[in-house]
Amino acid sequence: MRRKDETRQKKDNDIARDTHGIERNARAYYLSGLSHEERGEYANAIRDYDRAISLDPGLAWAYYHRGIAHGGAGHRRKKVEDLRAAARLGLGIAIDMLTVCDRLHKRPKGAKTSL
């Protein structure tokens, strides 16, 4: 367990080092968001994706991953909004994800939701 804590601390330190002084870099915030998302830290991921999008509104992958993070945090409506934004920017995987979400939400009550 201690090794896991040390690894997490190292990642946190790496993120802090990598984003220090580059507040105007959308890609840095996007990458930081990915790291938080990977660890299930959805609020932190969403915050970093928000910053990335504010700096580069055309960054489709940031919308996509912010949508995934919103989904992880239980914000279904925001998830769909961000996936739609990513799809409008031409990200094909977002279109695929919206199709899957649409099918899952249209299932009859009591139907299996696992794929």
PDB file of N, CA and C in Angstrom:
ATOM      1  N   MET A   1       0.829  -1.193   0.000  1.00  0.00           N
ATOM      2  CA  MET A   1       0.000   0.000   0.000  1.00  0.00           C
ATOM      3  C   MET A   1       0.875   1.260   0.000  1.00  0.00           C
ATOM      4  N   ARG A   2       1.976   1.202   0.719  1.00  0.00           N
ATOM      5  CA  ARG A   2       2.852   2.360   0.792  1.00  0.00           C
ATOM      6  C   ARG A   2       3.410   2.699  -0.592  1.00  0.00           C
ATOM      7  N   ARG A   3       3.759   1.659  -1.344  1.00  0.00           N
ATOM      8  CA  ARG A   3       4.288   1.874  -2.699  1.00  0.00           C
ATOM      9  C   ARG A   3       3.246   2.586  -3.572  1.00  0.00           C
ATOM     10  N   LYS A   4       1.986   2.193  -3.416  1.00  0.00           N
ATOM     11  CA  LYS A   4       0.909   2.822  -4.184  1.00  0.00           C
ATOM     12  C   LYS A   4       0.797   4.307  -3.826  1.00  0.00           C
ATOM     13  N   ASP A   5       0.895   4.624  -2.528  1.00  0.00           N
ATOM     14  CA  ASP A   5       0.842   6.020  -2.089  1.00  0.00           C
ATOM     15  C   ASP A   5       2.020   6.813  -2.643  1.00  0.00           C
ATOM     16  N   GLU A   6       3.194   6.184  -2.670  1.00  0.00           N
ATOM     17  CA  GLU A   6       4.379   6.858  -3.207  1.00  0.00           C
ATOM     18  C   GLU A   6       4.222   7.125  -4.702  1.00  0.00           C
ATOM     19  N   THR A   7       3.659   6.163  -5.412  1.00  0.00           N
ATOM     20  CA  THR A   7       3.430   6.328  -6.847  1.00  0.00           C
ATOM     21  C   THR A   7       2.438   7.452  -7.103  1.00  0.00           C
ATOM     22  N   ARG A   8       1.374   7.491  -6.316  1.00  0.00           N
ATOM     23  CA  ARG A   8       0.375   8.556  -6.455  1.00  0.00           C
ATOM     24  C   ARG A   8       1.001   9.921  -6.160  1.00  0.00           C
ATOM     25  N   GLN A   9       1.817  10.005  -5.112  1.00  0.00           N
ATOM     26  CA  GLN A   9       2.471  11.264  -4.761  1.00  0.00           C
ATOM     27  C   GLN A   9       3.401  11.709  -5.888  1.00  0.00           C
ATOM     28  N   LYS A  10       4.115  10.758  -6.484  1.00  0.00           N
ATOM     29  CA  LYS A  10       5.008  11.093  -7.590  1.00  0.00           C
ATOM     30  C   LYS A  10       4.205  11.656  -8.760  1.00  0.00           C
ATOM     31  N   LYS A  11       3.069  11.034  -9.074  1.00  0.00           N
ATOM     32  CA  LYS A  11       2.230  11.547 -10.164  1.00  0.00           C
ATOM     33  C   LYS A  11       1.737  12.956  -9.848  1.00  0.00           C
ATOM     34  N   ASP A  12       1.303  13.171  -8.602  1.00  0.00           N
ATOM     35  CA  ASP A  12       0.848  14.503  -8.201  1.00  0.00           C
ATOM     36  C   ASP A  12       1.961  15.528  -8.350  1.00  0.00           C
ATOM     37  N   ASN A  13       3.162  15.162  -7.929  1.00  0.00           N
ATOM     38  CA  ASN A  13       4.305  16.064  -8.048  1.00  0.00           C
ATOM     39  C   ASN A  13       4.627  16.344  -9.513  1.00  0.00           C
ATOM     40  N   ASP A  14       4.558  15.299 -10.350  1.00  0.00           N
ATOM     41  CA  ASP A  14       4.813  15.471 -11.780  1.00  0.00           C
ATOM     42  C   ASP A  14       3.797  16.422 -12.401  1.00  0.00           C
ATOM     43  N   ILE A  15       2.533  16.262 -12.025  1.00  0.00           N
ATOM     44  CA  ILE A  15       1.487  17.148 -12.546  1.00  0.00           C
ATOM     45  C   ILE A  15       1.757  18.584 -12.121  1.00  0.00           C
ATOM     46  N   ALA A  16       2.063  18.784 -10.849  1.00  0.00           N
ATOM     47  CA  ALA A  16       2.334  20.132 -10.345  1.00  0.00           C
ATOM     48  C   ALA A  16       3.522  20.746 -11.083  1.00  0.00           C
ATOM     49  N   ARG A  17       4.575  19.957 -11.290  1.00  0.00           N
ATOM     50  CA  ARG A  17       5.767  20.451 -11.978  1.00  0.00           C
ATOM     51  C   ARG A  17       5.442  20.784 -13.429  1.00  0.00           C
ATOM     52  N   ASP A  18       4.712  19.900 -14.090  1.00  0.00           N
ATOM     53  CA  ASP A  18       4.426  20.080 -15.507  1.00  0.00           C
ATOM     54  C   ASP A  18       3.480  21.244 -15.780  1.00  0.00           C
ATOM     55  N   THR A  19       2.587  21.550 -14.862  1.00  0.00           N
ATOM     56  CA  THR A  19       1.626  22.633 -15.105  1.00  0.00           C
ATOM     57  C   THR A  19       2.064  23.960 -14.488  1.00  0.00           C
ATOM     58  N   HIS A  20       3.103  23.953 -13.664  1.00  0.00           N
ATOM     59  CA  HIS A  20       3.587  25.188 -13.042  1.00  0.00           C
ATOM     60  C   HIS A  20       4.134  26.125 -14.120  1.00  0.00           C
ATOM     61  N   GLY A  21       3.636  27.326 -14.156  1.00  0.00           N
ATOM     62  CA  GLY A  21       4.160  28.321 -15.076  1.00  0.00           C
ATOM     63  C   GLY A  21       3.639  28.212 -16.501  1.00  0.00           C
ATOM     64  N   ILE A  22       2.753  27.281 -16.771  1.00  0.00           N
ATOM     65  CA  ILE A  22       2.228  27.160 -18.135  1.00  0.00           C
ATOM     66  C   ILE A  22       0.703  27.226 -18.120  1.00  0.00           C
ATOM     67  N   GLU A  23       0.194  28.144 -17.327  1.00  0.00           N
ATOM     68  CA  GLU A  23      -1.246  28.279 -17.166  1.00  0.00           C
ATOM     69  C   GLU A  23      -1.955  28.561 -18.483  1.00  0.00           C
ATOM     70  N   ARG A  24      -1.248  29.076 -19.470  1.00  0.00           N
ATOM     71  CA  ARG A  24      -1.861  29.423 -20.743  1.00  0.00           C
ATOM     72  C   ARG A  24      -1.731  28.299 -21.772  1.00  0.00           C
ATOM     73  N   ASN A  25      -1.445  27.083 -21.339  1.00  0.00           N
ATOM     74  CA  ASN A  25      -1.233  25.974 -22.261  1.00  0.00           C
ATOM     75  C   ASN A  25      -2.380  24.964 -22.149  1.00  0.00           C
ATOM     76  N   ALA A  26      -3.262  24.967 -23.139  1.00  0.00           N
ATOM     77  CA  ALA A  26      -4.438  24.088 -23.109  1.00  0.00           C
ATOM     78  C   ALA A  26      -4.041  22.620 -23.059  1.00  0.00           C
ATOM     79  N   ARG A  27      -3.006  22.248 -23.792  1.00  0.00           N
ATOM     80  CA  ARG A  27      -2.581  20.844 -23.828  1.00  0.00           C
ATOM     81  C   ARG A  27      -2.125  20.371 -22.453  1.00  0.00           C
ATOM     82  N   ALA A  28      -1.442  21.226 -21.706  1.00  0.00           N
ATOM     83  CA  ALA A  28      -0.993  20.839 -20.364  1.00  0.00           C
ATOM     84  C   ALA A  28      -2.190  20.555 -19.463  1.00  0.00           C
ATOM     85  N   TYR A  29      -3.215  21.394 -19.545  1.00  0.00           N
ATOM     86  CA  TYR A  29      -4.413  21.151 -18.737  1.00  0.00           C
ATOM     87  C   TYR A  29      -5.145  19.895 -19.193  1.00  0.00           C
ATOM     88  N   TYR A  30      -5.181  19.678 -20.490  1.00  0.00           N
ATOM     89  CA  TYR A  30      -5.812  18.470 -21.018  1.00  0.00           C
ATOM     90  C   TYR A  30      -5.096  17.226 -20.487  1.00  0.00           C
ATOM     91  N   LEU A  31      -3.784  17.208 -20.544  1.00  0.00           N
ATOM     92  CA  LEU A  31      -3.011  16.054 -20.064  1.00  0.00           C
ATOM     93  C   LEU A  31      -3.166  15.861 -18.558  1.00  0.00           C
ATOM     94  N   SER A  32      -3.217  16.958 -17.824  1.00  0.00           N
ATOM     95  CA  SER A  32      -3.448  16.867 -16.383  1.00  0.00           C
ATOM     96  C   SER A  32      -4.836  16.286 -16.109  1.00  0.00           C
ATOM     97  N   GLY A  33      -5.817  16.711 -16.892  1.00  0.00           N
ATOM     98  CA  GLY A  33      -7.166  16.163 -16.757  1.00  0.00           C
ATOM     99  C   GLY A  33      -7.197  14.665 -17.009  1.00  0.00           C
ATOM    100  N   LEU A  34      -6.462  14.212 -18.021  1.00  0.00           N
ATOM    101  CA  LEU A  34      -6.388  12.776 -18.306  1.00  0.00           C
ATOM    102  C   LEU A  34      -5.841  12.005 -17.112  1.00  0.00           C
ATOM    103  N   SER A  35      -4.812  12.563 -16.488  1.00  0.00           N
ATOM    104  CA  SER A  35      -4.206  11.898 -15.330  1.00  0.00           C
ATOM    105  C   SER A  35      -5.203  11.792 -14.178  1.00  0.00           C
ATOM    106  N   HIS A  36      -5.918  12.882 -13.917  1.00  0.00           N
ATOM    107  CA  HIS A  36      -6.931  12.857 -12.850  1.00  0.00           C
ATOM    108  C   HIS A  36      -8.060  11.882 -13.192  1.00  0.00           C
ATOM    109  N   GLU A  37      -8.494  11.906 -14.441  1.00  0.00           N
ATOM    110  CA  GLU A  37      -9.582  11.018 -14.869  1.00  0.00           C
ATOM    111  C   GLU A  37      -9.184   9.554 -14.694  1.00  0.00           C
ATOM    112  N   GLU A  38      -7.957   9.239 -15.071  1.00  0.00           N
ATOM    113  CA  GLU A  38      -7.456   7.865 -14.955  1.00  0.00           C
ATOM    114  C   GLU A  38      -7.508   7.368 -13.512  1.00  0.00           C
ATOM    115  N   ARG A  39      -7.339   8.284 -12.566  1.00  0.00           N
ATOM    116  CA  ARG A  39      -7.349   7.917 -11.147  1.00  0.00           C
ATOM    117  C   ARG A  39      -8.733   8.047 -10.518  1.00  0.00           C
ATOM    118  N   GLY A  40      -9.723   8.378 -11.312  1.00  0.00           N
ATOM    119  CA  GLY A  40     -11.076   8.497 -10.783  1.00  0.00           C
ATOM    120  C   GLY A  40     -11.332   9.802 -10.052  1.00  0.00           C
ATOM    121  N   GLU A  41     -10.470  10.778 -10.234  1.00  0.00           N
ATOM    122  CA  GLU A  41     -10.614  12.095  -9.592  1.00  0.00           C
ATOM    123  C   GLU A  41     -11.372  13.011 -10.561  1.00  0.00           C
ATOM    124  N   TYR A  42     -12.665  12.743 -10.672  1.00  0.00           N
ATOM    125  CA  TYR A  42     -13.455  13.376 -11.719  1.00  0.00           C
ATOM    126  C   TYR A  42     -13.598  14.885 -11.549  1.00  0.00           C
ATOM    127  N   ALA A  43     -13.760  15.375 -10.338  1.00  0.00           N
ATOM    128  CA  ALA A  43     -13.896  16.822 -10.140  1.00  0.00           C
ATOM    129  C   ALA A  43     -12.627  17.544 -10.591  1.00  0.00           C
ATOM    130  N   ASN A  44     -11.464  17.004 -10.246  1.00  0.00           N
ATOM    131  CA  ASN A  44     -10.199  17.608 -10.672  1.00  0.00           C
ATOM    132  C   ASN A  44     -10.032  17.515 -12.184  1.00  0.00           C
ATOM    133  N   ALA A  45     -10.425  16.384 -12.752  1.00  0.00           N
ATOM    134  CA  ALA A  45     -10.335  16.213 -14.204  1.00  0.00           C
ATOM    135  C   ALA A  45     -11.220  17.237 -14.909  1.00  0.00           C
ATOM    136  N   ILE A  46     -12.446  17.378 -14.442  1.00  0.00           N
ATOM    137  CA  ILE A  46     -13.384  18.328 -15.050  1.00  0.00           C
ATOM    138  C   ILE A  46     -12.825  19.743 -14.969  1.00  0.00           C
ATOM    139  N   ARG A  47     -12.264  20.097 -13.831  1.00  0.00           N
ATOM    140  CA  ARG A  47     -11.665  21.434 -13.662  1.00  0.00           C
ATOM    141  C   ARG A  47     -10.569  21.671 -14.699  1.00  0.00           C
ATOM    142  N   ASP A  48      -9.685  20.682 -14.887  1.00  0.00           N
ATOM    143  CA  ASP A  48      -8.597  20.851 -15.849  1.00  0.00           C
ATOM    144  C   ASP A  48      -9.110  20.870 -17.289  1.00  0.00           C
ATOM    145  N   TYR A  49     -10.101  20.048 -17.601  1.00  0.00           N
ATOM    146  CA  TYR A  49     -10.685  20.089 -18.947  1.00  0.00           C
ATOM    147  C   TYR A  49     -11.370  21.434 -19.190  1.00  0.00           C
ATOM    148  N   ASP A  50     -12.030  21.991 -18.167  1.00  0.00           N
ATOM    149  CA  ASP A  50     -12.639  23.323 -18.292  1.00  0.00           C
ATOM    150  C   ASP A  50     -11.584  24.349 -18.690  1.00  0.00           C
ATOM    151  N   ARG A  51     -10.432  24.294 -18.020  1.00  0.00           N
ATOM    152  CA  ARG A  51      -9.350  25.243 -18.325  1.00  0.00           C
ATOM    153  C   ARG A  51      -8.823  25.036 -19.737  1.00  0.00           C
ATOM    154  N   ALA A  52      -8.644  23.783 -20.126  1.00  0.00           N
ATOM    155  CA  ALA A  52      -8.151  23.493 -21.480  1.00  0.00           C
ATOM    156  C   ALA A  52      -9.115  24.036 -22.527  1.00  0.00           C
ATOM    157  N   ILE A  53     -10.400  23.813 -22.317  1.00  0.00           N
ATOM    158  CA  ILE A  53     -11.414  24.268 -23.275  1.00  0.00           C
ATOM    159  C   ILE A  53     -11.487  25.790 -23.316  1.00  0.00           C
ATOM    160  N   SER A  54     -11.334  26.442 -22.170  1.00  0.00           N
ATOM    161  CA  SER A  54     -11.377  27.911 -22.166  1.00  0.00           C
ATOM    162  C   SER A  54     -10.196  28.492 -22.949  1.00  0.00           C
ATOM    163  N   LEU A  55      -9.072  27.791 -22.952  1.00  0.00           N
ATOM    164  CA  LEU A  55      -7.896  28.251 -23.688  1.00  0.00           C
ATOM    165  C   LEU A  55      -7.929  27.840 -25.160  1.00  0.00           C
ATOM    166  N   ASP A  56      -8.579  26.717 -25.456  1.00  0.00           N
ATOM    167  CA  ASP A  56      -8.667  26.219 -26.831  1.00  0.00           C
ATOM    168  C   ASP A  56     -10.036  25.574 -27.050  1.00  0.00           C
ATOM    169  N   PRO A  57     -11.045  26.381 -27.399  1.00  0.00           N
ATOM    170  CA  PRO A  57     -12.401  25.861 -27.572  1.00  0.00           C
ATOM    171  C   PRO A  57     -12.536  24.828 -28.691  1.00  0.00           C
ATOM    172  N   GLY A  58     -11.527  24.667 -29.512  1.00  0.00           N
ATOM    173  CA  GLY A  58     -11.568  23.686 -30.585  1.00  0.00           C
ATOM    174  C   GLY A  58     -10.943  22.351 -30.232  1.00  0.00           C
ATOM    175  N   LEU A  59     -10.581  22.172 -28.976  1.00  0.00           N
ATOM    176  CA  LEU A  59      -9.919  20.938 -28.532  1.00  0.00           C
ATOM    177  C   LEU A  59     -10.975  19.865 -28.271  1.00  0.00           C
ATOM    178  N   ALA A  60     -11.336  19.139 -29.323  1.00  0.00           N
ATOM    179  CA  ALA A  60     -12.428  18.160 -29.261  1.00  0.00           C
ATOM    180  C   ALA A  60     -12.196  17.094 -28.206  1.00  0.00           C
ATOM    181  N   TRP A  61     -10.963  16.616 -28.079  1.00  0.00           N
ATOM    182  CA  TRP A  61     -10.680  15.558 -27.106  1.00  0.00           C
ATOM    183  C   TRP A  61     -10.934  16.026 -25.673  1.00  0.00           C
ATOM    184  N   ALA A  62     -10.752  17.315 -25.398  1.00  0.00           N
ATOM    185  CA  ALA A  62     -11.024  17.827 -24.049  1.00  0.00           C
ATOM    186  C   ALA A  62     -12.523  17.757 -23.753  1.00  0.00           C
ATOM    187  N   TYR A  63     -13.350  18.094 -24.743  1.00  0.00           N
ATOM    188  CA  TYR A  63     -14.800  17.955 -24.555  1.00  0.00           C
ATOM    189  C   TYR A  63     -15.172  16.495 -24.335  1.00  0.00           C
ATOM    190  N   TYR A  64     -14.591  15.619 -25.143  1.00  0.00           N
ATOM    191  CA  TYR A  64     -14.893  14.192 -25.032  1.00  0.00           C
ATOM    192  C   TYR A  64     -14.551  13.671 -23.637  1.00  0.00           C
ATOM    193  N   HIS A  65     -13.337  13.937 -23.200  1.00  0.00           N
ATOM    194  CA  HIS A  65     -12.929  13.406 -21.896  1.00  0.00           C
ATOM    195  C   HIS A  65     -13.631  14.106 -20.737  1.00  0.00           C
ATOM    196  N   ARG A  66     -13.976  15.386 -20.905  1.00  0.00           N
ATOM    197  CA  ARG A  66     -14.769  16.036 -19.854  1.00  0.00           C
ATOM    198  C   ARG A  66     -16.128  15.355 -19.762  1.00  0.00           C
ATOM    199  N   GLY A  67     -16.675  14.967 -20.898  1.00  0.00           N
ATOM    200  CA  GLY A  67     -17.931  14.217 -20.896  1.00  0.00           C
ATOM    201  C   GLY A  67     -17.796  12.889 -20.176  1.00  0.00           C
ATOM    202  N   ILE A  68     -16.709  12.180 -20.428  1.00  0.00           N
ATOM    203  CA  ILE A  68     -16.466  10.908 -19.751  1.00  0.00           C
ATOM    204  C   ILE A  68     -16.333  11.136 -18.242  1.00  0.00           C
ATOM    205  N   ALA A  69     -15.616  12.189 -17.856  1.00  0.00           N
ATOM    206  CA  ALA A  69     -15.463  12.501 -16.428  1.00  0.00           C
ATOM    207  C   ALA A  69     -16.814  12.863 -15.804  1.00  0.00           C
ATOM    208  N   HIS A  70     -17.621  13.635 -16.525  1.00  0.00           N
ATOM    209  CA  HIS A  70     -18.966  13.949 -16.020  1.00  0.00           C
ATOM    210  C   HIS A  70     -19.770  12.668 -15.833  1.00  0.00           C
ATOM    211  N   GLY A  71     -19.640  11.743 -16.768  1.00  0.00           N
ATOM    212  CA  GLY A  71     -20.326  10.458 -16.634  1.00  0.00           C
ATOM    213  C   GLY A  71     -19.869   9.713 -15.395  1.00  0.00           C
ATOM    214  N   GLY A  72     -18.564   9.716 -15.151  1.00  0.00           N
ATOM    215  CA  GLY A  72     -18.022   9.061 -13.962  1.00  0.00           C
ATOM    216  C   GLY A  72     -18.512   9.699 -12.677  1.00  0.00           C
ATOM    217  N   ALA A  73     -18.766  11.008 -12.742  1.00  0.00           N
ATOM    218  CA  ALA A  73     -19.249  11.737 -11.568  1.00  0.00           C
ATOM    219  C   ALA A  73     -20.772  11.676 -11.440  1.00  0.00           C
ATOM    220  N   GLY A  74     -21.428  11.012 -12.398  1.00  0.00           N
ATOM    221  CA  GLY A  74     -22.882  10.870 -12.329  1.00  0.00           C
ATOM    222  C   GLY A  74     -23.666  12.007 -12.952  1.00  0.00           C
ATOM    223  N   HIS A  75     -23.014  12.858 -13.736  1.00  0.00           N
ATOM    224  CA  HIS A  75     -23.675  14.004 -14.373  1.00  0.00           C
ATOM    225  C   HIS A  75     -24.059  13.635 -15.808  1.00  0.00           C
ATOM    226  N   ARG A  76     -25.120  12.884 -15.965  1.00  0.00           N
ATOM    227  CA  ARG A  76     -25.495  12.340 -17.272  1.00  0.00           C
ATOM    228  C   ARG A  76     -25.762  13.424 -18.316  1.00  0.00           C
ATOM    229  N   ARG A  77     -26.497  14.453 -17.955  1.00  0.00           N
ATOM    230  CA  ARG A  77     -26.837  15.500 -18.920  1.00  0.00           C
ATOM    231  C   ARG A  77     -25.582  16.230 -19.412  1.00  0.00           C
ATOM    232  N   LYS A  78     -24.678  16.545 -18.484  1.00  0.00           N
ATOM    233  CA  LYS A  78     -23.439  17.224 -18.868  1.00  0.00           C
ATOM    234  C   LYS A  78     -22.563  16.314 -19.727  1.00  0.00           C
ATOM    235  N   LYS A  79     -22.592  15.019 -19.426  1.00  0.00           N
ATOM    236  CA  LYS A  79     -21.849  14.051 -20.236  1.00  0.00           C
ATOM    237  C   LYS A  79     -22.305  14.129 -21.685  1.00  0.00           C
ATOM    238  N   VAL A  80     -23.603  14.064 -21.892  1.00  0.00           N
ATOM    239  CA  VAL A  80     -24.153  14.088 -23.249  1.00  0.00           C
ATOM    240  C   VAL A  80     -23.856  15.422 -23.932  1.00  0.00           C
ATOM    241  N   GLU A  81     -23.960  16.530 -23.212  1.00  0.00           N
ATOM    242  CA  GLU A  81     -23.660  17.849 -23.785  1.00  0.00           C
ATOM    243  C   GLU A  81     -22.228  17.904 -24.305  1.00  0.00           C
ATOM    244  N   ASP A  82     -21.284  17.399 -23.503  1.00  0.00           N
ATOM    245  CA  ASP A  82     -19.883  17.431 -23.917  1.00  0.00           C
ATOM    246  C   ASP A  82     -19.603  16.468 -25.064  1.00  0.00           C
ATOM    247  N   LEU A  83     -20.237  15.312 -25.056  1.00  0.00           N
ATOM    248  CA  LEU A  83     -20.059  14.384 -26.170  1.00  0.00           C
ATOM    249  C   LEU A  83     -20.607  15.000 -27.458  1.00  0.00           C
ATOM    250  N   ARG A  84     -21.715  15.718 -27.362  1.00  0.00           N
ATOM    251  CA  ARG A  84     -22.266  16.399 -28.540  1.00  0.00           C
ATOM    252  C   ARG A  84     -21.308  17.478 -29.042  1.00  0.00           C
ATOM    253  N   ALA A  85     -20.709  18.220 -28.114  1.00  0.00           N
ATOM    254  CA  ALA A  85     -19.744  19.255 -28.509  1.00  0.00           C
ATOM    255  C   ALA A  85     -18.553  18.627 -29.229  1.00  0.00           C
ATOM    256  N   ALA A  86     -18.049  17.516 -28.702  1.00  0.00           N
ATOM    257  CA  ALA A  86     -16.925  16.823 -29.340  1.00  0.00           C
ATOM    258  C   ALA A  86     -17.328  16.309 -30.721  1.00  0.00           C
ATOM    259  N   ALA A  87     -18.548  15.804 -30.834  1.00  0.00           N
ATOM    260  CA  ALA A  87     -19.040  15.307 -32.123  1.00  0.00           C
ATOM    261  C   ALA A  87     -19.156  16.449 -33.133  1.00  0.00           C
ATOM    262  N   ARG A  88     -19.655  17.609 -32.693  1.00  0.00           N
ATOM    263  CA  ARG A  88     -19.761  18.774 -33.583  1.00  0.00           C
ATOM    264  C   ARG A  88     -18.389  19.203 -34.101  1.00  0.00           C
ATOM    265  N   LEU A  89     -17.357  18.964 -33.285  1.00  0.00           N
ATOM    266  CA  LEU A  89     -15.997  19.311 -33.699  1.00  0.00           C
ATOM    267  C   LEU A  89     -15.367  18.219 -34.562  1.00  0.00           C
ATOM    268  N   GLY A  90     -16.141  17.170 -34.861  1.00  0.00           N
ATOM    269  CA  GLY A  90     -15.686  16.150 -35.789  1.00  0.00           C
ATOM    270  C   GLY A  90     -15.038  14.927 -35.177  1.00  0.00           C
ATOM    271  N   LEU A  91     -15.154  14.743 -33.885  1.00  0.00           N
ATOM    272  CA  LEU A  91     -14.544  13.589 -33.225  1.00  0.00           C
ATOM    273  C   LEU A  91     -15.460  12.376 -33.368  1.00  0.00           C
ATOM    274  N   GLY A  92     -15.086  11.441 -34.221  1.00  0.00           N
ATOM    275  CA  GLY A  92     -15.918  10.285 -34.533  1.00  0.00           C
ATOM    276  C   GLY A  92     -16.259   9.415 -33.341  1.00  0.00           C
ATOM    277  N   ILE A  93     -15.312   9.221 -32.440  1.00  0.00           N
ATOM    278  CA  ILE A  93     -15.575   8.369 -31.274  1.00  0.00           C
ATOM    279  C   ILE A  93     -16.689   8.957 -30.411  1.00  0.00           C
ATOM    280  N   ALA A  94     -16.815  10.275 -30.401  1.00  0.00           N
ATOM    281  CA  ALA A  94     -17.892  10.914 -29.632  1.00  0.00           C
ATOM    282  C   ALA A  94     -19.246  10.582 -30.251  1.00  0.00           C
ATOM    283  N   ILE A  95     -19.296  10.539 -31.569  1.00  0.00           N
ATOM    284  CA  ILE A  95     -20.540  10.168 -32.253  1.00  0.00           C
ATOM    285  C   ILE A  95     -20.916   8.739 -31.886  1.00  0.00           C
ATOM    286  N   ASP A  96     -19.921   7.849 -31.888  1.00  0.00           N
ATOM    287  CA  ASP A  96     -20.165   6.451 -31.508  1.00  0.00           C
ATOM    288  C   ASP A  96     -20.669   6.350 -30.072  1.00  0.00           C
ATOM    289  N   MET A  97     -20.056   7.106 -29.172  1.00  0.00           N
ATOM    290  CA  MET A  97     -20.442   7.072 -27.763  1.00  0.00           C
ATOM    291  C   MET A  97     -21.866   7.595 -27.585  1.00  0.00           C
ATOM    292  N   LEU A  98     -22.225   8.637 -28.319  1.00  0.00           N
ATOM    293  CA  LEU A  98     -23.594   9.162 -28.246  1.00  0.00           C
ATOM    294  C   LEU A  98     -24.607   8.123 -28.717  1.00  0.00           C
ATOM    295  N   THR A  99     -24.253   7.373 -29.741  1.00  0.00           N
ATOM    296  CA  THR A  99     -25.139   6.318 -30.240  1.00  0.00           C
ATOM    297  C   THR A  99     -25.366   5.265 -29.166  1.00  0.00           C
ATOM    298  N   VAL A 100     -24.296   4.863 -28.497  1.00  0.00           N
ATOM    299  CA  VAL A 100     -24.406   3.874 -27.418  1.00  0.00           C
ATOM    300  C   VAL A 100     -25.251   4.427 -26.278  1.00  0.00           C
ATOM    301  N   CYS A 101     -24.979   5.670 -25.875  1.00  0.00           N
ATOM    302  CA  CYS A 101     -25.754   6.288 -24.781  1.00  0.00           C
ATOM    303  C   CYS A 101     -27.232   6.346 -25.137  1.00  0.00           C
ATOM    304  N   ASP A 102     -27.517   6.729 -26.370  1.00  0.00           N
ATOM    305  CA  ASP A 102     -28.903   6.829 -26.811  1.00  0.00           C
ATOM    306  C   ASP A 102     -29.600   5.473 -26.729  1.00  0.00           C
ATOM    307  N   ARG A 103     -28.925   4.441 -27.160  1.00  0.00           N
ATOM    308  CA  ARG A 103     -29.516   3.097 -27.109  1.00  0.00           C
ATOM    309  C   ARG A 103     -29.751   2.650 -25.675  1.00  0.00           C
ATOM    310  N   LEU A 104     -28.810   2.937 -24.793  1.00  0.00           N
ATOM    311  CA  LEU A 104     -28.964   2.533 -23.390  1.00  0.00           C
ATOM    312  C   LEU A 104     -30.117   3.270 -22.721  1.00  0.00           C
ATOM    313  N   HIS A 105     -30.278   4.545 -23.041  1.00  0.00           N
ATOM    314  CA  HIS A 105     -31.323   5.342 -22.395  1.00  0.00           C
ATOM    315  C   HIS A 105     -32.711   5.042 -22.940  1.00  0.00           C
ATOM    316  N   LYS A 106     -32.785   4.417 -24.107  1.00  0.00           N
ATOM    317  CA  LYS A 106     -34.085   4.091 -24.694  1.00  0.00           C
ATOM    318  C   LYS A 106     -34.536   2.675 -24.376  1.00  0.00           C
ATOM    319  N   ARG A 107     -33.770   1.938 -23.592  1.00  0.00           N
ATOM    320  CA  ARG A 107     -34.155   0.566 -23.243  1.00  0.00           C
ATOM    321  C   ARG A 107     -35.396   0.588 -22.357  1.00  0.00           C
ATOM    322  N   PRO A 108     -36.231  -0.421 -22.494  1.00  0.00           N
ATOM    323  CA  PRO A 108     -37.404  -0.519 -21.617  1.00  0.00           C
ATOM    324  C   PRO A 108     -36.973  -0.674 -20.158  1.00  0.00           C
ATOM    325  N   LYS A 109     -37.807  -0.186 -19.271  1.00  0.00           N
ATOM    326  CA  LYS A 109     -37.517  -0.293 -17.846  1.00  0.00           C
ATOM    327  C   LYS A 109     -37.329  -1.764 -17.468  1.00  0.00           C
ATOM    328  N   GLY A 110     -36.263  -2.045 -16.733  1.00  0.00           N
ATOM    329  CA  GLY A 110     -35.978  -3.402 -16.292  1.00  0.00           C
ATOM    330  C   GLY A 110     -35.104  -4.192 -17.250  1.00  0.00           C
ATOM    331  N   ALA A 111     -34.806  -3.632 -18.434  1.00  0.00           N
ATOM    332  CA  ALA A 111     -33.950  -4.341 -19.395  1.00  0.00           C
ATOM    333  C   ALA A 111     -32.505  -4.299 -18.919  1.00  0.00           C
ATOM    334  N   LYS A 112     -31.727  -5.289 -19.324  1.00  0.00           N
ATOM    335  CA  LYS A 112     -30.312  -5.321 -18.962  1.00  0.00           C
ATOM    336  C   LYS A 112     -29.610  -4.115 -19.563  1.00  0.00           C
ATOM    337  N   THR A 113     -28.694  -3.533 -18.793  1.00  0.00           N
ATOM    338  CA  THR A 113     -27.947  -2.387 -19.293  1.00  0.00           C
ATOM    339  C   THR A 113     -26.498  -2.728 -19.570  1.00  0.00           C
ATOM    340  N   SER A 114     -26.072  -3.932 -19.268  1.00  0.00           N
ATOM    341  CA  SER A 114     -24.691  -4.291 -19.566  1.00  0.00           C
ATOM    342  C   SER A 114     -24.591  -4.727 -21.019  1.00  0.00           C
ATOM    343  N   LEU A 115     -23.458  -4.436 -21.616  1.00  0.00           N
ATOM    344  CA  LEU A 115     -23.269  -4.793 -23.029  1.00  0.00           C
ATOM    345  C   LEU A 115     -22.682  -6.162 -23.164  1.00  0.00           C
TER     346      LEU A 115
END
